Amino acid sequence: MVGVVFFVVNIFKTITYTPAGWTPQPAGALLGSALGLSGLKAFFTKKRGGHLVSLPVAAIARGTVDTAFNAGIILFTAC
């Protein structure tokens, strides 16, 4: 389960990483875009904006959240 935690942290640190020389992006906005929160907010507020991360990155981030939930459930139900 420790490996799963390291995997989740590594994925989200990779999403929020900005290479040297690029304009810095806010980490919260990147994570919100990757998890679909910005799209959900735009649906209810009628504000349209572009996505900050590509579709494959968003899919990997959402799958990572599922992996974290599964690891937590397995960890706490196995006791």
PDB file of N, CA and C in Angstrom:
ATOM      1  N   MET A   1       0.807  -1.187   0.000  1.00  0.00           N
ATOM      2  CA  MET A   1       0.000   0.000   0.000  1.00  0.00           C
ATOM      3  C   MET A   1       0.864   1.270   0.000  1.00  0.00           C
ATOM      4  N   VAL A   2       2.062   1.150   0.534  1.00  0.00           N
ATOM      5  CA  VAL A   2       2.970   2.298   0.513  1.00  0.00           C
ATOM      6  C   VAL A   2       3.357   2.620  -0.928  1.00  0.00           C
ATOM      7  N   GLY A   3       3.519   1.606  -1.738  1.00  0.00           N
ATOM      8  CA  GLY A   3       3.824   1.815  -3.149  1.00  0.00           C
ATOM      9  C   GLY A   3       2.712   2.553  -3.873  1.00  0.00           C
ATOM     10  N   VAL A   4       1.468   2.260  -3.522  1.00  0.00           N
ATOM     11  CA  VAL A   4       0.336   2.956  -4.131  1.00  0.00           C
ATOM     12  C   VAL A   4       0.348   4.421  -3.731  1.00  0.00           C
ATOM     13  N   VAL A   5       0.664   4.706  -2.470  1.00  0.00           N
ATOM     14  CA  VAL A   5       0.743   6.098  -2.010  1.00  0.00           C
ATOM     15  C   VAL A   5       1.837   6.839  -2.774  1.00  0.00           C
ATOM     16  N   PHE A   6       2.985   6.217  -2.952  1.00  0.00           N
ATOM     17  CA  PHE A   6       4.069   6.850  -3.713  1.00  0.00           C
ATOM     18  C   PHE A   6       3.660   7.071  -5.172  1.00  0.00           C
ATOM     19  N   PHE A   7       2.921   6.120  -5.748  1.00  0.00           N
ATOM     20  CA  PHE A   7       2.433   6.259  -7.113  1.00  0.00           C
ATOM     21  C   PHE A   7       1.502   7.457  -7.245  1.00  0.00           C
ATOM     22  N   VAL A   8       0.554   7.587  -6.327  1.00  0.00           N
ATOM     23  CA  VAL A   8      -0.401   8.695  -6.361  1.00  0.00           C
ATOM     24  C   VAL A   8       0.310  10.033  -6.206  1.00  0.00           C
ATOM     25  N   VAL A   9       1.229  10.116  -5.260  1.00  0.00           N
ATOM     26  CA  VAL A   9       1.980  11.361  -5.050  1.00  0.00           C
ATOM     27  C   VAL A   9       2.801  11.693  -6.289  1.00  0.00           C
ATOM     28  N   ASN A  10       3.433  10.697  -6.891  1.00  0.00           N
ATOM     29  CA  ASN A  10       4.254  10.918  -8.082  1.00  0.00           C
ATOM     30  C   ASN A  10       3.414  11.424  -9.251  1.00  0.00           C
ATOM     31  N   ILE A  11       2.235  10.867  -9.448  1.00  0.00           N
ATOM     32  CA  ILE A  11       1.376  11.309 -10.551  1.00  0.00           C
ATOM     33  C   ILE A  11       0.970  12.764 -10.363  1.00  0.00           C
ATOM     34  N   PHE A  12       0.530  13.120  -9.163  1.00  0.00           N
ATOM     35  CA  PHE A  12       0.070  14.488  -8.950  1.00  0.00           C
ATOM     36  C   PHE A  12       1.218  15.497  -8.930  1.00  0.00           C
ATOM     37  N   LYS A  13       2.392  15.092  -8.489  1.00  0.00           N
ATOM     38  CA  LYS A  13       3.556  15.986  -8.576  1.00  0.00           C
ATOM     39  C   LYS A  13       3.966  16.177 -10.038  1.00  0.00           C
ATOM     40  N   THR A  14       3.817  15.146 -10.849  1.00  0.00           N
ATOM     41  CA  THR A  14       4.127  15.258 -12.271  1.00  0.00           C
ATOM     42  C   THR A  14       3.152  16.196 -12.972  1.00  0.00           C
ATOM     43  N   ILE A  15       1.878  16.130 -12.606  1.00  0.00           N
ATOM     44  CA  ILE A  15       0.880  17.009 -13.213  1.00  0.00           C
ATOM     45  C   ILE A  15       1.154  18.464 -12.865  1.00  0.00           C
ATOM     46  N   THR A  16       1.554  18.741 -11.643  1.00  0.00           N
ATOM     47  CA  THR A  16       1.755  20.129 -11.214  1.00  0.00           C
ATOM     48  C   THR A  16       3.152  20.662 -11.529  1.00  0.00           C
ATOM     49  N   TYR A  17       4.020  19.851 -12.089  1.00  0.00           N
ATOM     50  CA  TYR A  17       5.385  20.288 -12.403  1.00  0.00           C
ATOM     51  C   TYR A  17       5.389  21.237 -13.598  1.00  0.00           C
ATOM     52  N   THR A  18       6.124  22.326 -13.472  1.00  0.00           N
ATOM     53  CA  THR A  18       6.323  23.265 -14.569  1.00  0.00           C
ATOM     54  C   THR A  18       7.817  23.332 -14.879  1.00  0.00           C
ATOM     55  N   PRO A  19       8.232  23.006 -16.099  1.00  0.00           N
ATOM     56  CA  PRO A  19       9.661  23.041 -16.432  1.00  0.00           C
ATOM     57  C   PRO A  19      10.236  24.457 -16.322  1.00  0.00           C
ATOM     58  N   ALA A  20      11.531  24.524 -16.139  1.00  0.00           N
ATOM     59  CA  ALA A  20      12.220  25.815 -16.038  1.00  0.00           C
ATOM     60  C   ALA A  20      12.084  26.573 -17.356  1.00  0.00           C
ATOM     61  N   GLY A  21      11.791  27.850 -17.257  1.00  0.00           N
ATOM     62  CA  GLY A  21      11.654  28.678 -18.437  1.00  0.00           C
ATOM     63  C   GLY A  21      10.224  28.811 -18.932  1.00  0.00           C
ATOM     64  N   TRP A  22       9.322  27.987 -18.452  1.00  0.00           N
ATOM     65  CA  TRP A  22       7.916  28.081 -18.839  1.00  0.00           C
ATOM     66  C   TRP A  22       7.192  28.986 -17.859  1.00  0.00           C
ATOM     67  N   THR A  23       6.076  29.531 -18.275  1.00  0.00           N
ATOM     68  CA  THR A  23       5.302  30.358 -17.354  1.00  0.00           C
ATOM     69  C   THR A  23       4.667  29.454 -16.310  1.00  0.00           C
ATOM     70  N   PRO A  24       4.821  29.806 -15.031  1.00  0.00           N
ATOM     71  CA  PRO A  24       4.280  28.933 -13.980  1.00  0.00           C
ATOM     72  C   PRO A  24       2.756  28.905 -13.993  1.00  0.00           C
ATOM     73  N   GLN A  25       2.218  27.735 -13.785  1.00  0.00           N
ATOM     74  CA  GLN A  25       0.770  27.534 -13.703  1.00  0.00           C
ATOM     75  C   GLN A  25       0.411  27.248 -12.248  1.00  0.00           C
ATOM     76  N   PRO A  26      -0.735  27.722 -11.782  1.00  0.00           N
ATOM     77  CA  PRO A  26      -1.143  27.413 -10.407  1.00  0.00           C
ATOM     78  C   PRO A  26      -1.456  25.922 -10.249  1.00  0.00           C
ATOM     79  N   ALA A  27      -0.909  25.329  -9.204  1.00  0.00           N
ATOM     80  CA  ALA A  27      -1.067  23.889  -8.995  1.00  0.00           C
ATOM     81  C   ALA A  27      -2.529  23.516  -8.777  1.00  0.00           C
ATOM     82  N   GLY A  28      -3.265  24.339  -8.051  1.00  0.00           N
ATOM     83  CA  GLY A  28      -4.675  24.040  -7.807  1.00  0.00           C
ATOM     84  C   GLY A  28      -5.491  24.024  -9.085  1.00  0.00           C
ATOM     85  N   ALA A  29      -5.197  24.953  -9.982  1.00  0.00           N
ATOM     86  CA  ALA A  29      -5.919  24.996 -11.255  1.00  0.00           C
ATOM     87  C   ALA A  29      -5.576  23.784 -12.123  1.00  0.00           C
ATOM     88  N   LEU A  30      -4.324  23.367 -12.098  1.00  0.00           N
ATOM     89  CA  LEU A  30      -3.922  22.183 -12.867  1.00  0.00           C
ATOM     90  C   LEU A  30      -4.597  20.927 -12.337  1.00  0.00           C
ATOM     91  N   LEU A  31      -4.615  20.770 -11.012  1.00  0.00           N
ATOM     92  CA  LEU A  31      -5.260  19.599 -10.437  1.00  0.00           C
ATOM     93  C   LEU A  31      -6.771  19.633 -10.661  1.00  0.00           C
ATOM     94  N   GLY A  32      -7.366  20.821 -10.546  1.00  0.00           N
ATOM     95  CA  GLY A  32      -8.796  20.946 -10.806  1.00  0.00           C
ATOM     96  C   GLY A  32      -9.152  20.590 -12.233  1.00  0.00           C
ATOM     97  N   SER A  33      -8.314  20.996 -13.163  1.00  0.00           N
ATOM     98  CA  SER A  33      -8.538  20.655 -14.559  1.00  0.00           C
ATOM     99  C   SER A  33      -8.335  19.163 -14.801  1.00  0.00           C
ATOM    100  N   ALA A  34      -7.327  18.586 -14.180  1.00  0.00           N
ATOM    101  CA  ALA A  34      -7.048  17.158 -14.371  1.00  0.00           C
ATOM    102  C   ALA A  34      -8.144  16.281 -13.781  1.00  0.00           C
ATOM    103  N   LEU A  35      -8.739  16.706 -12.676  1.00  0.00           N
ATOM    104  CA  LEU A  35      -9.767  15.898 -12.027  1.00  0.00           C
ATOM    105  C   LEU A  35     -11.171  16.216 -12.521  1.00  0.00           C
ATOM    106  N   GLY A  36     -11.299  17.215 -13.382  1.00  0.00           N
ATOM    107  CA  GLY A  36     -12.595  17.549 -13.937  1.00  0.00           C
ATOM    108  C   GLY A  36     -13.396  18.530 -13.112  1.00  0.00           C
ATOM    109  N   LEU A  37     -12.797  19.093 -12.078  1.00  0.00           N
ATOM    110  CA  LEU A  37     -13.518  20.028 -11.219  1.00  0.00           C
ATOM    111  C   LEU A  37     -13.788  21.351 -11.923  1.00  0.00           C
ATOM    112  N   SER A  38     -12.863  21.797 -12.749  1.00  0.00           N
ATOM    113  CA  SER A  38     -13.076  23.056 -13.470  1.00  0.00           C
ATOM    114  C   SER A  38     -14.197  22.913 -14.495  1.00  0.00           C
ATOM    115  N   GLY A  39     -14.312  21.774 -15.123  1.00  0.00           N
ATOM    116  CA  GLY A  39     -15.402  21.529 -16.064  1.00  0.00           C
ATOM    117  C   GLY A  39     -16.750  21.445 -15.364  1.00  0.00           C
ATOM    118  N   LEU A  40     -16.765  20.833 -14.188  1.00  0.00           N
ATOM    119  CA  LEU A  40     -17.996  20.747 -13.410  1.00  0.00           C
ATOM    120  C   LEU A  40     -18.430  22.130 -12.940  1.00  0.00           C
ATOM    121  N   LYS A  41     -17.462  22.940 -12.515  1.00  0.00           N
ATOM    122  CA  LYS A  41     -17.766  24.309 -12.094  1.00  0.00           C
ATOM    123  C   LYS A  41     -18.277  25.134 -13.275  1.00  0.00           C
ATOM    124  N   ALA A  42     -17.690  24.950 -14.432  1.00  0.00           N
ATOM    125  CA  ALA A  42     -18.125  25.678 -15.624  1.00  0.00           C
ATOM    126  C   ALA A  42     -19.536  25.263 -16.042  1.00  0.00           C
ATOM    127  N   PHE A  43     -19.895  24.019 -15.784  1.00  0.00           N
ATOM    128  CA  PHE A  43     -21.239  23.547 -16.121  1.00  0.00           C
ATOM    129  C   PHE A  43     -22.312  24.273 -15.318  1.00  0.00           C
ATOM    130  N   PHE A  44     -22.019  24.524 -14.042  1.00  0.00           N
ATOM    131  CA  PHE A  44     -23.007  25.167 -13.185  1.00  0.00           C
ATOM    132  C   PHE A  44     -22.959  26.688 -13.223  1.00  0.00           C
ATOM    133  N   THR A  45     -21.807  27.270 -13.578  1.00  0.00           N
ATOM    134  CA  THR A  45     -21.702  28.726 -13.588  1.00  0.00           C
ATOM    135  C   THR A  45     -21.779  29.310 -14.985  1.00  0.00           C
ATOM    136  N   LYS A  46     -21.827  28.481 -15.990  1.00  0.00           N
ATOM    137  CA  LYS A  46     -21.904  28.915 -17.392  1.00  0.00           C
ATOM    138  C   LYS A  46     -20.680  29.711 -17.841  1.00  0.00           C
ATOM    139  N   LYS A  47     -19.583  29.612 -17.141  1.00  0.00           N
ATOM    140  CA  LYS A  47     -18.329  30.223 -17.581  1.00  0.00           C
ATOM    141  C   LYS A  47     -17.535  29.179 -18.342  1.00  0.00           C
ATOM    142  N   ARG A  48     -17.134  29.516 -19.518  1.00  0.00           N
ATOM    143  CA  ARG A  48     -16.370  28.587 -20.345  1.00  0.00           C
ATOM    144  C   ARG A  48     -14.899  28.970 -20.318  1.00  0.00           C
ATOM    145  N   GLY A  49     -14.075  27.992 -20.173  1.00  0.00           N
ATOM    146  CA  GLY A  49     -12.634  28.211 -20.184  1.00  0.00           C
ATOM    147  C   GLY A  49     -11.952  27.005 -20.795  1.00  0.00           C
ATOM    148  N   GLY A  50     -10.723  27.178 -21.163  1.00  0.00           N
ATOM    149  CA  GLY A  50      -9.985  26.077 -21.756  1.00  0.00           C
ATOM    150  C   GLY A  50      -9.476  25.109 -20.709  1.00  0.00           C
ATOM    151  N   HIS A  51      -9.169  23.919 -21.168  1.00  0.00           N
ATOM    152  CA  HIS A  51      -8.599  22.917 -20.271  1.00  0.00           C
ATOM    153  C   HIS A  51      -7.100  23.161 -20.144  1.00  0.00           C
ATOM    154  N   LEU A  52      -6.588  23.044 -18.945  1.00  0.00           N
ATOM    155  CA  LEU A  52      -5.153  23.262 -18.727  1.00  0.00           C
ATOM    156  C   LEU A  52      -4.321  22.020 -18.982  1.00  0.00           C
ATOM    157  N   VAL A  53      -4.934  20.850 -18.888  1.00  0.00           N
ATOM    158  CA  VAL A  53      -4.204  19.600 -19.135  1.00  0.00           C
ATOM    159  C   VAL A  53      -4.889  18.852 -20.275  1.00  0.00           C
ATOM    160  N   SER A  54      -4.138  18.008 -20.936  1.00  0.00           N
ATOM    161  CA  SER A  54      -4.689  17.245 -22.063  1.00  0.00           C
ATOM    162  C   SER A  54      -5.579  16.103 -21.552  1.00  0.00           C
ATOM    163  N   LEU A  55      -6.342  15.528 -22.440  1.00  0.00           N
ATOM    164  CA  LEU A  55      -7.273  14.465 -22.083  1.00  0.00           C
ATOM    165  C   LEU A  55      -6.574  13.219 -21.517  1.00  0.00           C
ATOM    166  N   PRO A  56      -5.455  12.757 -22.081  1.00  0.00           N
ATOM    167  CA  PRO A  56      -4.796  11.590 -21.474  1.00  0.00           C
ATOM    168  C   PRO A  56      -4.304  11.852 -20.051  1.00  0.00           C
ATOM    169  N   VAL A  57      -3.827  13.066 -19.794  1.00  0.00           N
ATOM    170  CA  VAL A  57      -3.374  13.402 -18.438  1.00  0.00           C
ATOM    171  C   VAL A  57      -4.563  13.400 -17.481  1.00  0.00           C
ATOM    172  N   ALA A  58      -5.691  13.939 -17.927  1.00  0.00           N
ATOM    173  CA  ALA A  58      -6.890  13.942 -17.094  1.00  0.00           C
ATOM    174  C   ALA A  58      -7.363  12.520 -16.806  1.00  0.00           C
ATOM    175  N   ALA A  59      -7.302  11.649 -17.803  1.00  0.00           N
ATOM    176  CA  ALA A  59      -7.719  10.266 -17.608  1.00  0.00           C
ATOM    177  C   ALA A  59      -6.807   9.550 -16.615  1.00  0.00           C
ATOM    178  N   ILE A  60      -5.518   9.793 -16.704  1.00  0.00           N
ATOM    179  CA  ILE A  60      -4.577   9.178 -15.761  1.00  0.00           C
ATOM    180  C   ILE A  60      -4.814   9.692 -14.356  1.00  0.00           C
ATOM    181  N   ALA A  61      -5.077  10.993 -14.205  1.00  0.00           N
ATOM    182  CA  ALA A  61      -5.332  11.562 -12.878  1.00  0.00           C
ATOM    183  C   ALA A  61      -6.594  10.978 -12.264  1.00  0.00           C
ATOM    184  N   ARG A  62      -7.639  10.834 -13.060  1.00  0.00           N
ATOM    185  CA  ARG A  62      -8.889  10.272 -12.537  1.00  0.00           C
ATOM    186  C   ARG A  62      -8.727   8.803 -12.184  1.00  0.00           C
ATOM    187  N   GLY A  63      -7.958   8.076 -12.965  1.00  0.00           N
ATOM    188  CA  GLY A  63      -7.669   6.683 -12.631  1.00  0.00           C
ATOM    189  C   GLY A  63      -6.824   6.552 -11.384  1.00  0.00           C
ATOM    190  N   THR A  64      -5.960   7.521 -11.150  1.00  0.00           N
ATOM    191  CA  THR A  64      -5.131   7.520  -9.953  1.00  0.00           C
ATOM    192  C   THR A  64      -5.983   7.713  -8.709  1.00  0.00           C
ATOM    193  N   VAL A  65      -6.999   8.561  -8.802  1.00  0.00           N
ATOM    194  CA  VAL A  65      -7.908   8.745  -7.667  1.00  0.00           C
ATOM    195  C   VAL A  65      -8.640   7.434  -7.377  1.00  0.00           C
ATOM    196  N   ASP A  66      -9.070   6.735  -8.415  1.00  0.00           N
ATOM    197  CA  ASP A  66      -9.712   5.433  -8.221  1.00  0.00           C
ATOM    198  C   ASP A  66      -8.752   4.438  -7.565  1.00  0.00           C
ATOM    199  N   THR A  67      -7.510   4.458  -7.979  1.00  0.00           N
ATOM    200  CA  THR A  67      -6.508   3.572  -7.387  1.00  0.00           C
ATOM    201  C   THR A  67      -6.314   3.874  -5.909  1.00  0.00           C
ATOM    202  N   ALA A  68      -6.280   5.155  -5.555  1.00  0.00           N
ATOM    203  CA  ALA A  68      -6.124   5.540  -4.149  1.00  0.00           C
ATOM    204  C   ALA A  68      -7.323   5.084  -3.325  1.00  0.00           C
ATOM    205  N   PHE A  69      -8.543   5.244  -3.867  1.00  0.00           N
ATOM    206  CA  PHE A  69      -9.735   4.773  -3.157  1.00  0.00           C
ATOM    207  C   PHE A  69      -9.693   3.257  -2.968  1.00  0.00           C
ATOM    208  N   ASN A  70      -9.332   2.528  -4.013  1.00  0.00           N
ATOM    209  CA  ASN A  70      -9.257   1.072  -3.915  1.00  0.00           C
ATOM    210  C   ASN A  70      -8.218   0.638  -2.895  1.00  0.00           C
ATOM    211  N   ALA A  71      -7.071   1.284  -2.890  1.00  0.00           N
ATOM    212  CA  ALA A  71      -6.029   0.919  -1.921  1.00  0.00           C
ATOM    213  C   ALA A  71      -6.496   1.197  -0.498  1.00  0.00           C
ATOM    214  N   GLY A  72      -7.167   2.328  -0.289  1.00  0.00           N
ATOM    215  CA  GLY A  72      -7.677   2.642   1.048  1.00  0.00           C
ATOM    216  C   GLY A  72      -8.722   1.642   1.507  1.00  0.00           C
ATOM    217  N   ILE A  73      -9.616   1.239   0.611  1.00  0.00           N
ATOM    218  CA  ILE A  73     -10.649   0.267   0.975  1.00  0.00           C
ATOM    219  C   ILE A  73     -10.017  -1.087   1.275  1.00  0.00           C
ATOM    220  N   ILE A  74      -9.081  -1.520   0.453  1.00  0.00           N
ATOM    221  CA  ILE A  74      -8.416  -2.806   0.700  1.00  0.00           C
ATOM    222  C   ILE A  74      -7.632  -2.771   1.993  1.00  0.00           C
ATOM    223  N   LEU A  75      -6.974  -1.658   2.262  1.00  0.00           N
ATOM    224  CA  LEU A  75      -6.165  -1.544   3.469  1.00  0.00           C
ATOM    225  C   LEU A  75      -7.021  -1.625   4.725  1.00  0.00           C
ATOM    226  N   PHE A  76      -8.152  -0.941   4.730  1.00  0.00           N
ATOM    227  CA  PHE A  76      -8.937  -0.869   5.957  1.00  0.00           C
ATOM    228  C   PHE A  76      -9.943  -2.002   6.105  1.00  0.00           C
ATOM    229  N   THR A  77     -10.275  -2.720   5.040  1.00  0.00           N
ATOM    230  CA  THR A  77     -11.185  -3.861   5.175  1.00  0.00           C
ATOM    231  C   THR A  77     -10.437  -5.155   5.416  1.00  0.00           C
ATOM    232  N   ALA A  78      -9.156  -5.175   5.199  1.00  0.00           N
ATOM    233  CA  ALA A  78      -8.376  -6.397   5.391  1.00  0.00           C
ATOM    234  C   ALA A  78      -8.011  -6.634   6.859  1.00  0.00           C
ATOM    235  N   CYS A  79      -8.222  -5.630   7.696  1.00  0.00           N
ATOM    236  CA  CYS A  79      -7.830  -5.774   9.111  1.00  0.00           C
ATOM    237  C   CYS A  79      -8.748  -6.663   9.880  1.00  0.00           C
TER     238      CYS A  79
END
